[in-house]
Protein backbone atom coordinates (compact mmCIF):
# COMPACT_ATOMS: atom_id res chain seq x y z
CA LYS A 1 0.00 0.00 0.00
CA ILE A 2 2.83 2.39 0.85
CA ALA A 3 4.47 1.70 -2.52
CA LEU A 4 1.23 2.61 -4.30
CA LEU A 5 0.90 5.74 -2.17
CA GLU A 6 4.48 6.71 -2.99
CA ALA A 7 3.85 6.17 -6.72
CA SER A 8 0.74 8.35 -6.58
CA LEU A 9 2.58 11.11 -4.74
CA ASN A 10 5.42 10.94 -7.27
CA LYS A 11 2.90 11.55 -10.07
CA VAL A 12 1.25 14.42 -8.22
CA ALA A 13 4.46 16.17 -7.16
CA THR A 14 5.94 18.13 -10.04
CA SER A 15 9.01 19.77 -8.52
CA GLU A 16 12.04 17.94 -7.14
CA GLY A 17 11.64 19.89 -3.90
CA GLU A 18 8.11 18.54 -3.44
CA LEU A 19 9.29 15.01 -4.22
CA ALA A 20 12.08 15.22 -1.66
CA SER A 21 9.65 16.50 0.97
CA LEU A 22 7.06 13.80 0.25
CA LYS A 23 9.67 11.02 0.24
CA SER A 24 10.99 12.31 3.58
CA GLU A 25 7.48 12.16 5.04
CA ILE A 26 6.96 8.66 3.61
CA GLU A 27 10.21 7.47 5.22
CA LYS A 28 9.00 8.87 8.56
CA ILE A 29 5.70 7.00 8.14
CA LYS A 30 7.51 3.78 7.22
CA ALA A 31 9.74 4.14 10.29
CA ALA A 32 6.72 4.77 12.52
CA LEU A 33 4.87 1.77 11.08
CA GLY A 34 8.00 -0.38 11.45
CA LEU A 35 8.30 0.54 15.13
CA THR A 36 4.58 -0.09 15.66
CA VAL A 37 4.84 -3.54 14.04
CA ASP A 38 7.99 -4.43 16.01
CA VAL A 39 6.22 -3.51 19.25
CA ALA A 40 2.98 -5.28 18.33
CA LEU A 41 4.50 -8.61 17.25
CA PRO A 42 5.98 -9.58 20.65
CA LYS A 43 2.63 -8.84 22.28
CA LYS A 44 0.87 -11.21 19.86
CA GLU A 45 3.50 -13.91 20.51
CA GLU A 46 3.04 -13.57 24.28
CA LYS A 47 -0.72 -14.12 23.91
CA LYS A 48 -0.03 -17.41 22.12
């Protein structure tokens, strides 16, 4: 889903500055999701 979102944003953004800004935000989102997943997985394993 993130890859599709990134592709859509790349099409919408026309200037390199906008692209850099959007990609930076996407990386922040990916990092946040990664941390959320890392934290959530051990909790699921403990419930098993």
